[in-house]
């Protein structure tokens, strides 16, 4: 006698994945959706660069509504070449002028090293073309990211660039002043 929910003679129903749940949630969302009539230009003319950490609800934390900003997220919230690409498009094609950089406390990027690339190379047989951009001091990395933005020849507006560290236990932003 089988103890599983399905008898061996019956075909098994496909397992529900997280992606299936997300697609189902989207179906409900879409059924109630009405076009907000916005274009792609952010109302507040601001781009926010932040870590991809799931504990950061940027819109709530910053009091933002749909259409207010461009949000660019990656591991650590560091300013990489791809972030500069996104910021250049955001500014030059879509009118943003201000840039807000947000790192956070207890970031996973503080616990890994550039050795991660070598480990990947050994595992898959190919060296990643990108840097890990790990760091041990969030404040210093925010300063470095601000400097990368301010010195990029591809960005038109670098006078309103500010950096912060978000505390994941209190929800508060702490501003990091440039070097």
N, C-alpha and C. Protein backbone atom coordinates (compact mmCIF):
# COMPACT_ATOMS: atom_id res chain seq x y z
N UNK A 1 0.83 -1.17 0.00
CA UNK A 1 0.00 0.00 0.00
C UNK A 1 0.88 1.25 0.00
N UNK A 2 0.55 2.16 -0.85
CA UNK A 2 1.33 3.39 -0.98
C UNK A 2 0.91 4.38 0.10
N UNK A 3 1.90 5.08 0.64
CA UNK A 3 1.60 6.10 1.64
C UNK A 3 1.63 7.50 1.03
N UNK A 4 1.89 7.60 -0.27
CA UNK A 4 1.91 8.91 -0.90
C UNK A 4 0.49 9.36 -1.19
N UNK A 5 0.31 10.60 -1.49
CA UNK A 5 -1.00 11.16 -1.78
C UNK A 5 -1.55 10.66 -3.10
N UNK A 6 -0.70 10.16 -3.96
CA UNK A 6 -1.13 9.67 -5.27
C UNK A 6 -0.85 8.18 -5.34
N UNK A 7 -1.80 7.45 -5.86
CA UNK A 7 -1.54 6.03 -6.04
C UNK A 7 -0.62 5.86 -7.24
N UNK A 8 0.18 4.82 -7.27
CA UNK A 8 1.14 4.62 -8.36
C UNK A 8 0.48 4.54 -9.73
N UNK A 9 -0.77 4.11 -9.82
CA UNK A 9 -1.43 3.97 -11.12
C UNK A 9 -1.87 5.32 -11.68
N UNK A 10 -2.04 6.33 -10.82
CA UNK A 10 -2.49 7.64 -11.28
C UNK A 10 -1.30 8.49 -11.70
N UNK A 11 -1.46 9.26 -12.79
CA UNK A 11 -0.37 10.16 -13.16
C UNK A 11 -0.23 11.24 -12.09
N UNK A 12 0.98 11.58 -11.79
CA UNK A 12 1.24 12.60 -10.77
C UNK A 12 0.93 13.98 -11.31
N UNK A 13 0.35 14.80 -10.46
CA UNK A 13 0.16 16.20 -10.83
C UNK A 13 1.51 16.89 -10.75
N UNK A 14 1.77 17.83 -11.65
CA UNK A 14 3.05 18.50 -11.60
C UNK A 14 3.19 19.28 -10.29
N UNK A 15 4.39 19.29 -9.78
CA UNK A 15 4.66 20.01 -8.53
C UNK A 15 4.49 21.52 -8.77
N UNK A 16 3.96 22.19 -7.79
CA UNK A 16 3.83 23.64 -7.88
C UNK A 16 5.15 24.27 -7.46
N UNK A 17 5.69 25.11 -8.31
CA UNK A 17 6.95 25.78 -8.01
C UNK A 17 6.67 27.20 -7.53
N UNK A 18 7.68 27.84 -7.04
CA UNK A 18 7.57 29.24 -6.64
C UNK A 18 7.17 30.07 -7.86
N UNK A 19 7.76 29.78 -9.00
CA UNK A 19 7.42 30.52 -10.22
C UNK A 19 5.95 30.33 -10.57
N UNK A 20 5.42 29.10 -10.39
CA UNK A 20 4.00 28.87 -10.62
C UNK A 20 3.16 29.77 -9.71
N UNK A 21 3.55 29.89 -8.45
CA UNK A 21 2.82 30.76 -7.51
C UNK A 21 2.88 32.21 -7.96
N UNK A 22 4.03 32.65 -8.45
CA UNK A 22 4.17 34.03 -8.91
C UNK A 22 3.31 34.29 -10.14
N UNK A 23 3.28 33.34 -11.06
CA UNK A 23 2.47 33.49 -12.26
C UNK A 23 0.99 33.52 -11.89
N UNK A 24 0.59 32.70 -10.93
CA UNK A 24 -0.79 32.70 -10.46
C UNK A 24 -1.13 34.04 -9.81
N UNK A 25 -0.24 34.56 -8.99
CA UNK A 25 -0.45 35.87 -8.36
C UNK A 25 -0.57 36.96 -9.43
N UNK A 26 0.23 36.86 -10.49
CA UNK A 26 0.15 37.84 -11.56
C UNK A 26 -1.19 37.77 -12.28
N UNK A 27 -1.69 36.58 -12.44
CA UNK A 27 -2.98 36.43 -13.10
C UNK A 27 -4.06 37.19 -12.33
N UNK A 28 -4.06 37.07 -11.02
CA UNK A 28 -5.02 37.80 -10.17
C UNK A 28 -4.77 39.31 -10.29
N UNK A 29 -3.51 39.71 -10.21
CA UNK A 29 -3.14 41.13 -10.34
C UNK A 29 -3.62 41.69 -11.67
N UNK A 30 -3.36 40.97 -12.74
CA UNK A 30 -3.72 41.44 -14.08
C UNK A 30 -5.24 41.54 -14.25
N UNK A 31 -5.98 40.66 -13.58
CA UNK A 31 -7.44 40.71 -13.71
C UNK A 31 -8.03 41.97 -13.08
N UNK A 32 -7.30 42.57 -12.15
CA UNK A 32 -7.76 43.79 -11.48
C UNK A 32 -6.99 45.03 -11.94
N UNK A 33 -6.07 44.86 -12.87
CA UNK A 33 -5.15 45.92 -13.29
C UNK A 33 -5.85 46.91 -14.21
N UNK A 34 -5.55 48.18 -13.98
CA UNK A 34 -5.95 49.22 -14.93
C UNK A 34 -4.71 50.01 -15.28
N UNK A 35 -4.55 50.32 -16.51
CA UNK A 35 -3.39 51.07 -17.01
C UNK A 35 -3.31 52.40 -16.28
N UNK A 36 -2.17 52.65 -15.57
CA UNK A 36 -2.05 53.91 -14.84
C UNK A 36 -1.79 55.11 -15.75
N UNK A 37 -1.58 54.87 -17.03
CA UNK A 37 -1.39 55.97 -17.98
C UNK A 37 -0.08 56.70 -17.83
N UNK A 38 0.93 56.04 -17.30
CA UNK A 38 2.24 56.66 -17.10
C UNK A 38 3.15 56.36 -18.28
N UNK A 39 4.19 57.22 -18.42
CA UNK A 39 5.24 56.81 -19.34
C UNK A 39 6.44 56.37 -18.50
N UNK A 40 7.52 56.02 -19.14
CA UNK A 40 8.66 55.43 -18.45
C UNK A 40 9.51 56.44 -17.68
N UNK A 41 9.26 57.73 -17.87
CA UNK A 41 10.05 58.75 -17.18
C UNK A 41 9.59 58.86 -15.73
N UNK A 42 10.51 58.69 -14.77
CA UNK A 42 10.12 58.75 -13.37
C UNK A 42 9.67 60.16 -12.97
N UNK A 43 8.57 60.23 -12.28
CA UNK A 43 7.97 61.50 -11.87
C UNK A 43 8.96 62.35 -11.05
N UNK A 44 9.69 61.71 -10.14
CA UNK A 44 10.61 62.45 -9.27
C UNK A 44 12.00 62.65 -9.88
N UNK A 45 12.20 62.18 -11.09
CA UNK A 45 13.48 62.30 -11.79
C UNK A 45 14.65 61.79 -10.95
N UNK A 46 14.44 60.64 -10.30
CA UNK A 46 15.46 60.04 -9.46
C UNK A 46 15.65 58.58 -9.82
N UNK A 47 16.91 58.14 -9.73
CA UNK A 47 17.25 56.73 -9.88
C UNK A 47 17.83 56.26 -8.55
N UNK A 48 17.36 55.12 -8.07
CA UNK A 48 17.83 54.53 -6.82
C UNK A 48 18.60 53.27 -7.16
N UNK A 49 19.84 53.19 -6.66
CA UNK A 49 20.67 52.00 -6.84
C UNK A 49 20.78 51.35 -5.47
N UNK A 50 20.37 50.09 -5.38
CA UNK A 50 20.35 49.42 -4.08
C UNK A 50 20.68 47.95 -4.22
N UNK A 51 20.94 47.34 -3.07
CA UNK A 51 21.19 45.91 -3.02
C UNK A 51 19.91 45.14 -3.36
N UNK A 52 20.09 43.93 -3.84
CA UNK A 52 18.97 43.08 -4.20
C UNK A 52 18.38 42.36 -2.99
N UNK A 53 18.93 42.57 -1.81
CA UNK A 53 18.51 41.89 -0.59
C UNK A 53 16.99 41.93 -0.43
N UNK A 54 16.40 40.79 -0.12
CA UNK A 54 14.95 40.67 -0.02
C UNK A 54 14.38 41.43 1.18
N UNK A 55 15.21 41.85 2.11
CA UNK A 55 14.72 42.58 3.29
C UNK A 55 14.49 44.06 3.00
N UNK A 56 14.90 44.55 1.84
CA UNK A 56 14.75 45.96 1.51
C UNK A 56 13.50 46.19 0.66
N UNK A 57 12.50 46.83 1.24
CA UNK A 57 11.31 47.23 0.51
C UNK A 57 11.50 48.72 0.21
N UNK A 58 12.20 49.00 -0.87
CA UNK A 58 12.62 50.36 -1.17
C UNK A 58 11.48 51.35 -1.31
N UNK A 59 10.42 50.95 -1.98
CA UNK A 59 9.31 51.88 -2.16
C UNK A 59 8.71 52.29 -0.81
N UNK A 60 8.49 51.33 0.07
CA UNK A 60 7.96 51.67 1.39
C UNK A 60 8.97 52.47 2.20
N UNK A 61 10.22 52.03 2.19
CA UNK A 61 11.25 52.68 3.01
C UNK A 61 11.48 54.13 2.60
N UNK A 62 11.28 54.44 1.33
CA UNK A 62 11.54 55.79 0.83
C UNK A 62 10.26 56.57 0.55
N UNK A 63 9.11 55.99 0.83
CA UNK A 63 7.84 56.67 0.59
C UNK A 63 7.55 56.90 -0.88
N UNK A 64 7.95 55.95 -1.71
CA UNK A 64 7.79 56.08 -3.15
C UNK A 64 6.54 55.36 -3.65
N UNK A 65 5.95 55.90 -4.68
CA UNK A 65 4.80 55.28 -5.34
C UNK A 65 5.23 54.81 -6.73
N UNK A 66 4.40 53.99 -7.32
CA UNK A 66 4.64 53.53 -8.69
C UNK A 66 4.87 54.73 -9.60
N UNK A 67 5.93 54.67 -10.37
CA UNK A 67 6.22 55.73 -11.32
C UNK A 67 7.12 56.83 -10.80
N UNK A 68 7.46 56.79 -9.51
CA UNK A 68 8.28 57.86 -8.93
C UNK A 68 9.75 57.79 -9.31
N UNK A 69 10.29 56.58 -9.45
CA UNK A 69 11.74 56.45 -9.64
C UNK A 69 12.08 55.28 -10.54
N UNK A 70 13.34 55.25 -10.95
CA UNK A 70 13.93 54.05 -11.53
C UNK A 70 14.64 53.34 -10.38
N UNK A 71 14.51 52.03 -10.32
CA UNK A 71 15.18 51.25 -9.29
C UNK A 71 16.12 50.27 -9.96
N UNK A 72 17.38 50.34 -9.59
CA UNK A 72 18.42 49.47 -10.15
C UNK A 72 18.99 48.68 -8.98
N UNK A 73 18.90 47.36 -9.05
CA UNK A 73 19.33 46.53 -7.92
C UNK A 73 20.31 45.47 -8.40
N UNK A 74 21.30 45.23 -7.54
CA UNK A 74 22.25 44.15 -7.78
C UNK A 74 22.81 43.69 -6.44
N UNK A 75 23.63 42.66 -6.46
CA UNK A 75 24.25 42.17 -5.23
C UNK A 75 25.14 43.26 -4.64
N UNK A 76 24.80 43.73 -3.45
CA UNK A 76 25.58 44.75 -2.77
C UNK A 76 25.18 46.18 -3.09
N UNK A 77 24.44 46.38 -4.16
CA UNK A 77 24.08 47.74 -4.56
C UNK A 77 25.27 48.54 -5.05
N UNK A 78 26.30 47.84 -5.50
CA UNK A 78 27.52 48.51 -5.94
C UNK A 78 27.38 49.07 -7.35
N UNK A 79 28.12 50.12 -7.61
CA UNK A 79 28.09 50.74 -8.94
C UNK A 79 29.09 50.02 -9.83
N UNK A 80 28.55 49.20 -10.71
CA UNK A 80 29.34 48.44 -11.68
C UNK A 80 29.15 49.08 -13.06
N UNK A 81 29.83 48.55 -14.05
CA UNK A 81 29.64 49.05 -15.42
C UNK A 81 28.18 48.93 -15.85
N UNK A 82 27.51 47.85 -15.46
CA UNK A 82 26.12 47.69 -15.86
C UNK A 82 25.21 48.70 -15.16
N UNK A 83 25.54 49.06 -13.93
CA UNK A 83 24.77 50.10 -13.23
C UNK A 83 24.98 51.44 -13.93
N UNK A 84 26.21 51.74 -14.33
CA UNK A 84 26.48 52.98 -15.08
C UNK A 84 25.67 52.97 -16.38
N UNK A 85 25.61 51.83 -17.05
CA UNK A 85 24.80 51.71 -18.28
C UNK A 85 23.35 52.07 -17.99
N UNK A 86 22.79 51.48 -16.94
CA UNK A 86 21.40 51.76 -16.60
C UNK A 86 21.19 53.22 -16.20
N UNK A 87 22.13 53.78 -15.43
CA UNK A 87 22.01 55.18 -15.04
C UNK A 87 22.12 56.11 -16.25
N UNK A 88 23.00 55.79 -17.18
CA UNK A 88 23.15 56.62 -18.38
C UNK A 88 21.84 56.63 -19.18
N UNK A 89 21.22 55.48 -19.33
CA UNK A 89 19.94 55.40 -20.03
C UNK A 89 18.87 56.15 -19.24
N UNK A 90 18.87 55.96 -17.92
CA UNK A 90 17.90 56.63 -17.06
C UNK A 90 18.01 58.15 -17.20
N UNK A 91 19.23 58.66 -17.21
CA UNK A 91 19.43 60.11 -17.31
C UNK A 91 19.22 60.63 -18.72
N UNK A 92 19.92 60.04 -19.66
CA UNK A 92 19.96 60.60 -21.01
C UNK A 92 18.68 60.36 -21.81
N UNK A 93 18.03 59.24 -21.58
CA UNK A 93 16.83 58.93 -22.36
C UNK A 93 15.52 59.18 -21.59
N UNK A 94 15.63 59.17 -20.25
CA UNK A 94 14.39 59.20 -19.46
C UNK A 94 14.34 60.29 -18.40
N UNK A 95 15.32 61.19 -18.42
CA UNK A 95 15.21 62.43 -17.68
C UNK A 95 15.53 62.45 -16.20
N UNK A 96 16.15 61.40 -15.65
CA UNK A 96 16.47 61.48 -14.23
C UNK A 96 17.66 62.42 -14.00
N UNK A 97 17.68 63.02 -12.83
CA UNK A 97 18.74 63.97 -12.47
C UNK A 97 19.42 63.61 -11.16
N UNK A 98 18.71 63.00 -10.24
CA UNK A 98 19.24 62.66 -8.92
C UNK A 98 19.53 61.17 -8.85
N UNK A 99 20.55 60.82 -8.05
CA UNK A 99 20.90 59.41 -7.85
C UNK A 99 21.04 59.17 -6.36
N UNK A 100 20.36 58.13 -5.87
CA UNK A 100 20.44 57.71 -4.48
C UNK A 100 21.04 56.31 -4.46
N UNK A 101 22.11 56.13 -3.68
CA UNK A 101 22.78 54.84 -3.56
C UNK A 101 22.49 54.28 -2.16
N UNK A 102 22.08 53.02 -2.10
CA UNK A 102 21.73 52.43 -0.81
C UNK A 102 22.38 51.06 -0.65
N UNK A 103 23.26 50.97 0.35
CA UNK A 103 23.77 49.69 0.83
C UNK A 103 22.98 49.39 2.12
N UNK A 104 23.30 48.29 2.80
CA UNK A 104 22.57 47.99 4.03
C UNK A 104 23.43 47.22 5.01
N UNK A 105 22.97 47.17 6.24
CA UNK A 105 23.69 46.43 7.28
C UNK A 105 23.55 44.93 7.02
N UNK A 106 24.48 44.18 7.54
CA UNK A 106 24.54 42.72 7.42
C UNK A 106 24.33 42.22 6.00
N UNK A 107 24.99 42.86 5.07
CA UNK A 107 24.90 42.46 3.66
C UNK A 107 25.73 41.20 3.42
N UNK A 108 25.22 40.32 2.60
CA UNK A 108 25.95 39.11 2.23
C UNK A 108 27.26 39.39 1.52
N UNK A 109 27.38 40.57 0.90
CA UNK A 109 28.62 40.91 0.20
C UNK A 109 29.77 41.14 1.18
N UNK A 110 29.46 41.28 2.46
CA UNK A 110 30.50 41.45 3.48
C UNK A 110 31.07 40.10 3.92
N UNK A 111 30.42 39.01 3.53
CA UNK A 111 30.86 37.70 4.00
C UNK A 111 31.47 36.83 2.90
N UNK A 112 31.52 37.32 1.68
CA UNK A 112 32.21 36.58 0.62
C UNK A 112 33.41 37.39 0.16
N UNK A 113 34.24 36.78 -0.64
CA UNK A 113 35.43 37.46 -1.13
C UNK A 113 35.53 37.29 -2.64
N UNK A 114 36.54 37.92 -3.21
CA UNK A 114 36.79 37.76 -4.65
C UNK A 114 37.17 36.32 -4.99
N UNK A 115 37.51 35.50 -3.98
CA UNK A 115 37.79 34.08 -4.22
C UNK A 115 36.59 33.36 -4.81
N UNK A 116 35.41 33.92 -4.64
CA UNK A 116 34.19 33.36 -5.22
C UNK A 116 34.35 33.12 -6.72
N UNK A 117 35.03 34.06 -7.40
CA UNK A 117 35.26 33.91 -8.85
C UNK A 117 36.10 32.68 -9.16
N UNK A 118 37.18 32.48 -8.37
CA UNK A 118 38.03 31.31 -8.59
C UNK A 118 37.27 30.02 -8.31
N UNK A 119 36.42 30.04 -7.28
CA UNK A 119 35.61 28.86 -6.98
C UNK A 119 34.67 28.55 -8.15
N UNK A 120 34.06 29.57 -8.71
CA UNK A 120 33.19 29.36 -9.87
C UNK A 120 33.98 28.82 -11.06
N UNK A 121 35.17 29.38 -11.27
CA UNK A 121 35.98 28.91 -12.38
C UNK A 121 36.33 27.43 -12.23
N UNK A 122 36.72 27.04 -11.02
CA UNK A 122 37.03 25.62 -10.79
C UNK A 122 35.81 24.74 -11.00
N UNK A 123 34.64 25.23 -10.59
CA UNK A 123 33.43 24.43 -10.69
C UNK A 123 32.92 24.30 -12.12
N UNK A 124 32.92 25.40 -12.88
CA UNK A 124 32.30 25.35 -14.21
C UNK A 124 33.30 25.38 -15.35
N UNK A 125 34.57 25.62 -15.05
CA UNK A 125 35.58 25.59 -16.10
C UNK A 125 35.71 26.88 -16.89
N UNK A 126 35.12 27.91 -16.41
CA UNK A 126 35.21 29.21 -17.09
C UNK A 126 35.23 30.31 -16.03
N UNK A 127 36.15 31.25 -16.20
CA UNK A 127 36.26 32.36 -15.24
C UNK A 127 35.22 33.42 -15.57
N UNK A 128 34.45 33.86 -14.56
CA UNK A 128 33.48 34.93 -14.80
C UNK A 128 34.19 36.21 -15.27
N UNK A 129 33.55 36.93 -16.16
CA UNK A 129 34.14 38.18 -16.67
C UNK A 129 33.90 39.34 -15.71
N UNK A 130 33.07 39.14 -14.71
CA UNK A 130 32.72 40.20 -13.77
C UNK A 130 33.44 40.04 -12.44
N UNK A 131 33.58 41.16 -11.75
CA UNK A 131 34.17 41.14 -10.40
C UNK A 131 33.05 40.90 -9.39
N UNK A 132 33.37 40.26 -8.29
CA UNK A 132 32.39 40.00 -7.24
C UNK A 132 31.97 41.31 -6.58
N UNK A 133 32.89 42.23 -6.42
CA UNK A 133 32.65 43.52 -5.76
C UNK A 133 32.28 43.35 -4.30
N UNK A 134 32.89 42.35 -3.65
CA UNK A 134 32.68 42.15 -2.22
C UNK A 134 33.33 43.29 -1.45
N UNK A 135 32.85 43.52 -0.25
CA UNK A 135 33.43 44.57 0.58
C UNK A 135 33.26 44.20 2.05
N UNK A 136 34.03 44.86 2.91
CA UNK A 136 33.93 44.62 4.34
C UNK A 136 33.43 45.85 5.09
N UNK A 137 33.37 46.99 4.42
CA UNK A 137 32.96 48.25 5.05
C UNK A 137 31.91 48.91 4.15
N UNK A 138 30.65 48.82 4.56
CA UNK A 138 29.56 49.36 3.73
C UNK A 138 29.73 50.85 3.47
N UNK A 139 30.13 51.61 4.49
CA UNK A 139 30.31 53.05 4.31
C UNK A 139 31.35 53.34 3.24
N UNK A 140 32.48 52.65 3.33
CA UNK A 140 33.54 52.88 2.36
C UNK A 140 33.10 52.48 0.95
N UNK A 141 32.32 51.40 0.85
CA UNK A 141 31.87 51.00 -0.47
C UNK A 141 30.84 51.98 -1.03
N UNK A 142 30.01 52.56 -0.18
CA UNK A 142 29.09 53.61 -0.63
C UNK A 142 29.90 54.79 -1.18
N UNK A 143 30.96 55.17 -0.45
CA UNK A 143 31.82 56.27 -0.93
C UNK A 143 32.43 55.94 -2.29
N UNK A 144 32.91 54.71 -2.43
CA UNK A 144 33.49 54.29 -3.71
C UNK A 144 32.44 54.34 -4.81
N UNK A 145 31.23 53.89 -4.53
CA UNK A 145 30.16 53.93 -5.52
C UNK A 145 29.80 55.37 -5.89
N UNK A 146 29.74 56.26 -4.89
CA UNK A 146 29.47 57.68 -5.19
C UNK A 146 30.56 58.24 -6.10
N UNK A 147 31.80 57.88 -5.83
CA UNK A 147 32.91 58.37 -6.65
C UNK A 147 32.82 57.84 -8.08
N UNK A 148 32.45 56.58 -8.24
CA UNK A 148 32.29 56.01 -9.58
C UNK A 148 31.22 56.75 -10.37
N UNK A 149 30.13 57.10 -9.69
CA UNK A 149 29.05 57.84 -10.36
C UNK A 149 29.54 59.24 -10.73
N UNK A 150 30.15 59.91 -9.77
CA UNK A 150 30.56 61.30 -9.99
C UNK A 150 31.62 61.46 -11.07
N UNK A 151 32.41 60.43 -11.30
CA UNK A 151 33.49 60.54 -12.28
C UNK A 151 33.18 59.87 -13.61
N UNK A 152 32.00 59.29 -13.75
CA UNK A 152 31.66 58.62 -15.01
C UNK A 152 31.43 59.64 -16.11
N UNK A 153 32.10 59.48 -17.23
CA UNK A 153 31.89 60.40 -18.35
C UNK A 153 30.53 60.20 -19.03
N UNK A 154 29.85 59.11 -18.72
CA UNK A 154 28.59 58.79 -19.39
C UNK A 154 27.37 59.41 -18.71
N UNK A 155 27.57 59.94 -17.50
CA UNK A 155 26.46 60.50 -16.75
C UNK A 155 26.48 62.02 -16.84
N UNK A 156 25.35 62.60 -17.17
CA UNK A 156 25.23 64.05 -17.33
C UNK A 156 25.05 64.77 -16.00
N UNK A 157 24.35 64.15 -15.08
CA UNK A 157 23.98 64.81 -13.83
C UNK A 157 24.61 64.09 -12.65
N UNK A 158 25.68 64.66 -12.12
CA UNK A 158 26.38 64.03 -11.00
C UNK A 158 26.47 64.95 -9.79
N UNK A 159 25.70 66.04 -9.81
CA UNK A 159 25.75 66.99 -8.70
C UNK A 159 24.84 66.59 -7.54
N UNK A 160 23.81 65.76 -7.79
CA UNK A 160 22.91 65.32 -6.73
C UNK A 160 23.01 63.81 -6.59
N UNK A 161 24.14 63.36 -6.02
CA UNK A 161 24.41 61.94 -5.78
C UNK A 161 24.62 61.80 -4.28
N UNK A 162 23.77 61.00 -3.65
CA UNK A 162 23.90 60.80 -2.20
C UNK A 162 23.86 59.32 -1.89
N UNK A 163 24.59 58.95 -0.84
CA UNK A 163 24.69 57.55 -0.47
C UNK A 163 24.24 57.31 0.96
N UNK A 164 23.70 56.11 1.19
CA UNK A 164 23.14 55.76 2.49
C UNK A 164 23.40 54.30 2.81
N UNK A 165 23.32 53.99 4.12
CA UNK A 165 23.30 52.60 4.58
C UNK A 165 21.96 52.43 5.29
N UNK A 166 21.21 51.43 4.85
CA UNK A 166 19.90 51.10 5.42
C UNK A 166 20.12 50.07 6.52
N UNK A 167 19.59 50.34 7.71
CA UNK A 167 19.69 49.40 8.82
C UNK A 167 18.53 48.42 8.73
N UNK A 168 18.82 47.15 8.50
CA UNK A 168 17.76 46.16 8.29
C UNK A 168 17.01 45.82 9.57
N UNK A 169 17.53 46.23 10.74
CA UNK A 169 16.81 45.96 11.99
C UNK A 169 15.94 47.13 12.43
N UNK A 170 16.25 48.35 11.99
CA UNK A 170 15.45 49.52 12.41
C UNK A 170 14.69 50.15 11.25
N UNK A 171 15.10 49.88 10.03
CA UNK A 171 14.47 50.49 8.87
C UNK A 171 14.95 51.89 8.58
N UNK A 172 15.94 52.36 9.32
CA UNK A 172 16.42 53.73 9.15
C UNK A 172 17.58 53.82 8.16
N UNK A 173 17.59 54.93 7.41
CA UNK A 173 18.71 55.26 6.54
C UNK A 173 19.70 56.12 7.30
N UNK A 174 20.98 55.82 7.08
CA UNK A 174 22.05 56.65 7.63
C UNK A 174 22.86 57.18 6.45
N UNK A 175 22.95 58.49 6.34
CA UNK A 175 23.69 59.06 5.20
C UNK A 175 25.19 58.87 5.38
N UNK A 176 25.84 58.57 4.25
CA UNK A 176 27.29 58.43 4.19
C UNK A 176 27.81 59.63 3.41
N UNK A 177 28.66 60.40 4.04
CA UNK A 177 29.21 61.58 3.37
C UNK A 177 30.37 61.17 2.48
N UNK A 178 30.56 61.87 1.36
CA UNK A 178 31.69 61.53 0.46
C UNK A 178 33.02 61.74 1.17
N UNK A 179 34.03 61.09 0.65
CA UNK A 179 35.38 61.20 1.24
C UNK A 179 35.91 62.63 1.10
